[in-house]
């Protein structure tokens, strides 16, 4: 079973869904086991911290497009703006961006499963909300909103009247969807950061104030004279 990710003018990128599911099951099982027997371990906290940083990085990339990249493209002649955006949509399909975009999604999926399985933990609500924000608000919006617009733009002639009409709509709609995924990524990062804070707080207090095990006095043998 394979998961296929496609973008405009690019070869399909194949990701092994079986491998993804195995990794998700392995990590989520480990985290749930740790929660069952106590607080999060260093591995679990590292995963949450990775999700927080990853979502912030992804949201930061989209933030750049929302605040100045799309505005700069809109101020160019339409043919130049279209050609530049078409080039961006091709070159963006590279290992570095794919890692920055999809690895936080994998971490979010793992943490969402762990949160649902151990809902009584105080940080679980933040893990679940952060995961849903990134999976739906960033990944989902990209797939349902931005990629179809990229695909439509990829097949037009930048110098044609059709291209000009599409470009006017593209600038408005694509940027709107980009605002949504930017905000979702940032909010997801905040939720994961709060979850890290709560987890570290729990570890500190459990180590500082947990009762130490009582020592049983050793029995001494009395010599019989």
Protein backbone atom coordinates (compact mmCIF):
# COMPACT_ATOMS: atom_id res chain seq x y z
CA UNK A 1 0.00 0.00 0.00
CA UNK A 2 1.42 3.36 -1.01
CA UNK A 3 0.61 6.99 -0.31
CA UNK A 4 1.12 9.19 -3.38
CA UNK A 5 1.75 12.91 -3.02
CA UNK A 6 1.59 14.93 -6.24
CA UNK A 7 2.14 18.57 -7.00
CA UNK A 8 2.10 20.63 -10.16
CA UNK A 9 4.61 19.63 -12.87
CA UNK A 10 6.34 17.18 -10.58
CA UNK A 11 6.81 13.46 -10.52
CA UNK A 12 4.68 11.65 -7.97
CA UNK A 13 6.41 11.25 -4.66
CA UNK A 14 5.89 7.80 -3.22
CA UNK A 15 5.90 7.27 0.51
CA UNK A 16 5.52 3.80 1.92
CA UNK A 17 2.32 3.87 3.94
CA UNK A 18 3.25 0.54 5.49
CA UNK A 19 6.49 2.01 6.80
CA UNK A 20 4.62 5.07 8.07
CA UNK A 21 2.07 2.94 9.88
CA UNK A 22 4.77 0.77 11.44
CA UNK A 23 6.65 3.80 12.72
CA UNK A 24 3.45 5.37 14.02
CA UNK A 25 2.41 2.19 15.82
CA UNK A 26 5.88 1.65 17.28
CA UNK A 27 6.30 5.16 18.65
CA UNK A 28 2.71 5.52 19.88
CA UNK A 29 2.91 2.14 21.65
CA UNK A 30 6.15 3.18 23.35
CA UNK A 31 4.67 6.51 24.48
CA UNK A 32 1.46 4.90 25.75
CA UNK A 33 3.53 2.32 27.67
CA UNK A 34 5.52 5.11 29.28
CA UNK A 35 2.38 7.03 30.20
CA UNK A 36 0.83 3.95 31.74
CA UNK A 37 3.76 3.41 34.06
CA UNK A 38 4.39 7.08 34.80
CA UNK A 39 5.17 10.41 33.23
CA UNK A 40 6.59 10.97 29.75
CA UNK A 41 10.16 9.87 29.18
CA UNK A 42 12.84 11.89 27.46
CA UNK A 43 11.97 10.20 24.15
CA UNK A 44 8.34 11.27 24.35
CA UNK A 45 9.19 14.83 25.35
CA UNK A 46 11.71 14.99 22.51
CA UNK A 47 8.99 13.93 20.06
CA UNK A 48 6.61 16.63 21.34
CA UNK A 49 9.39 19.21 21.16
CA UNK A 50 10.18 18.09 17.61
CA UNK A 51 6.52 18.51 16.67
CA UNK A 52 6.48 21.99 18.19
CA UNK A 53 9.59 23.09 16.29
CA UNK A 54 8.52 21.36 13.08
CA UNK A 55 5.09 22.99 13.06
CA UNK A 56 6.71 26.37 13.73
CA UNK A 57 9.16 25.90 10.85
CA UNK A 58 6.38 24.85 8.47
CA UNK A 59 4.18 27.73 9.59
CA UNK A 60 7.12 30.12 9.22
CA UNK A 61 7.63 29.11 5.60
CA UNK A 62 3.98 29.78 4.84
CA UNK A 63 4.11 33.00 6.87
CA UNK A 64 6.74 34.32 4.45
CA UNK A 65 4.40 33.67 1.52
CA UNK A 66 1.48 35.36 3.28
CA UNK A 67 3.38 38.47 4.33
CA UNK A 68 5.55 39.36 1.34
CA UNK A 69 6.16 36.65 -1.29
CA UNK A 70 2.66 36.64 -2.77
CA UNK A 71 2.48 40.43 -2.59
CA UNK A 72 5.75 40.69 -4.51
CA UNK A 73 4.49 38.25 -7.15
CA UNK A 74 1.25 40.21 -7.48
CA UNK A 75 3.13 43.42 -8.19
CA UNK A 76 4.93 41.84 -11.15
CA UNK A 77 3.43 41.66 -14.64
CA UNK A 78 1.04 38.72 -14.71
CA UNK A 79 3.16 36.66 -17.13
CA UNK A 80 6.23 37.08 -14.95
CA UNK A 81 4.31 36.34 -11.75
CA UNK A 82 2.76 33.18 -13.20
CA UNK A 83 6.09 31.91 -14.53
CA UNK A 84 7.76 32.53 -11.16
CA UNK A 85 5.00 30.74 -9.23
CA UNK A 86 5.13 27.82 -11.66
CA UNK A 87 8.86 27.55 -11.01
CA UNK A 88 8.33 27.71 -7.24
CA UNK A 89 5.78 24.90 -7.40
CA UNK A 90 8.33 22.71 -9.16
CA UNK A 91 11.42 23.47 -7.08
CA UNK A 92 9.53 23.21 -3.77
CA UNK A 93 9.33 19.45 -4.26
CA UNK A 94 12.66 18.64 -2.67
CA UNK A 95 13.74 16.48 0.29
CA UNK A 96 14.33 19.39 2.67
CA UNK A 97 10.88 20.92 2.22
CA UNK A 98 9.17 17.53 2.19
CA UNK A 99 10.84 16.67 5.49
CA UNK A 100 9.88 20.02 7.04
CA UNK A 101 6.30 19.57 5.84
CA UNK A 102 5.57 15.88 6.45
CA UNK A 103 7.69 14.87 9.46
CA UNK A 104 5.67 17.11 11.82
CA UNK A 105 2.56 15.39 10.42
CA UNK A 106 3.98 11.97 11.33
CA UNK A 107 4.82 13.22 14.82
CA UNK A 108 1.33 14.74 15.13
CA UNK A 109 -0.32 11.45 14.19
CA UNK A 110 1.73 9.54 16.76
CA UNK A 111 0.98 12.08 19.49
CA UNK A 112 -2.74 12.15 18.65
CA UNK A 113 -2.96 8.37 19.09
CA UNK A 114 -1.07 8.56 22.39
CA UNK A 115 -3.33 11.38 23.61
CA UNK A 116 -6.53 9.46 22.85
CA UNK A 117 -5.26 6.29 24.49
CA UNK A 118 -4.24 8.15 27.66
CA UNK A 119 -6.83 10.91 27.78
CA UNK A 120 -6.61 11.36 31.56
CA UNK A 121 -3.13 12.86 31.27
CA UNK A 122 -3.22 16.68 31.67
CA UNK A 123 -1.21 17.31 28.50
CA UNK A 124 -3.33 15.04 26.27
CA UNK A 125 -5.80 17.77 25.28
CA UNK A 126 -2.95 19.95 24.00
CA UNK A 127 -1.42 17.04 22.10
CA UNK A 128 -4.72 16.24 20.41
CA UNK A 129 -5.61 19.84 19.55
CA UNK A 130 -2.10 20.52 18.24
CA UNK A 131 -2.17 17.35 16.14
CA UNK A 132 -5.56 18.13 14.62
CA UNK A 133 -4.54 21.71 13.88
CA UNK A 134 -1.54 20.59 11.88
CA UNK A 135 -3.05 17.52 10.23
CA UNK A 136 -6.26 19.29 9.19
CA UNK A 137 -5.37 22.97 9.18
CA UNK A 138 -1.99 22.64 7.46
CA UNK A 139 -1.78 19.29 5.65
CA UNK A 140 -5.50 19.07 4.85
CA UNK A 141 -5.77 22.68 3.66
CA UNK A 142 -2.68 22.26 1.49
CA UNK A 143 -4.05 19.14 -0.19
CA UNK A 144 -7.62 20.41 -0.60
CA UNK A 145 -6.96 24.10 -1.21
CA UNK A 146 -3.48 25.05 -2.39
CA UNK A 147 -2.44 22.05 -4.49
CA UNK A 148 -5.51 22.14 -6.81
CA UNK A 149 -4.79 25.82 -7.47
CA UNK A 150 -1.14 25.00 -8.17
CA UNK A 151 -2.18 22.26 -10.59
CA UNK A 152 -4.54 24.62 -12.43
CA UNK A 153 -1.82 27.27 -12.72
CA UNK A 154 0.74 24.75 -13.99
CA UNK A 155 -1.04 24.12 -17.29
CA UNK A 156 -1.76 27.72 -18.38
CA UNK A 157 0.32 29.85 -20.72
CA UNK A 158 1.65 32.76 -18.65
CA UNK A 159 1.14 35.17 -21.55
CA UNK A 160 -2.45 34.15 -22.37
CA UNK A 161 -5.66 35.90 -21.36
CA UNK A 162 -6.70 32.70 -19.61
CA UNK A 163 -3.54 32.90 -17.56
CA UNK A 164 -4.28 36.50 -16.56
CA UNK A 165 -7.81 35.60 -15.44
CA UNK A 166 -6.61 32.59 -13.47
CA UNK A 167 -3.75 34.55 -11.93
CA UNK A 168 -6.10 37.18 -10.52
CA UNK A 169 -8.18 34.49 -8.82
CA UNK A 170 -5.09 32.52 -7.83
CA UNK A 171 -3.55 35.42 -5.90
CA UNK A 172 -6.70 35.86 -3.83
CA UNK A 173 -7.68 32.23 -3.21
CA UNK A 174 -4.20 30.73 -2.78
CA UNK A 175 -3.16 33.43 -0.35
CA UNK A 176 -6.36 32.97 1.68
CA UNK A 177 -5.73 29.24 2.05
CA UNK A 178 -2.11 29.99 2.88
CA UNK A 179 -3.24 32.28 5.72
CA UNK A 180 -5.25 29.39 7.14
CA UNK A 181 -2.41 26.87 7.09
CA UNK A 182 0.01 29.46 8.48
CA UNK A 183 -2.20 30.16 11.49
CA UNK A 184 -2.90 26.44 11.98
CA UNK A 185 0.81 25.61 12.00
CA UNK A 186 1.61 28.35 14.50
CA UNK A 187 -1.24 27.39 16.83
CA UNK A 188 -0.23 23.72 16.63
CA UNK A 189 3.30 24.69 17.65
CA UNK A 190 1.94 26.61 20.65
CA UNK A 191 -0.18 23.64 21.74
CA UNK A 192 2.80 21.28 21.57
CA UNK A 193 4.95 23.77 23.47
CA UNK A 194 2.35 23.90 26.25
CA UNK A 195 2.30 20.09 26.33
CA UNK A 196 6.08 20.05 26.75
CA UNK A 197 5.85 22.56 29.59
CA UNK A 198 3.22 20.48 31.39
CA UNK A 199 5.21 17.27 30.92
CA UNK A 200 8.44 18.81 32.21
CA UNK A 201 6.53 20.31 35.15
CA UNK A 202 5.14 16.86 36.00
CA UNK A 203 8.58 15.29 35.87
CA UNK A 204 10.08 17.99 38.10
CA UNK A 205 7.40 17.72 40.76
CA UNK A 206 7.28 13.93 40.66
CA UNK A 207 11.04 13.80 41.22
CA UNK A 208 11.07 16.51 43.88
CA UNK A 209 8.07 15.54 45.95
CA UNK A 210 7.55 11.83 45.39
CA UNK A 211 7.91 9.94 48.67
CA UNK A 212 11.12 8.02 48.96
CA UNK A 213 10.79 4.30 49.56
CA UNK A 214 10.82 3.34 53.22
CA UNK A 215 13.82 1.42 54.37
CA UNK A 216 13.02 -1.67 56.39
CA UNK A 217 15.35 -2.16 59.34
CA UNK A 218 17.60 -5.14 59.06
CA UNK A 219 17.01 -7.87 61.58
CA UNK A 220 20.01 -8.73 63.64
CA UNK A 221 20.58 -12.20 64.86
CA UNK A 222 21.03 -12.59 68.59
CA UNK A 223 23.77 -14.94 69.53
CA UNK A 224 22.74 -17.72 71.92
CA UNK A 225 25.36 -18.41 74.54
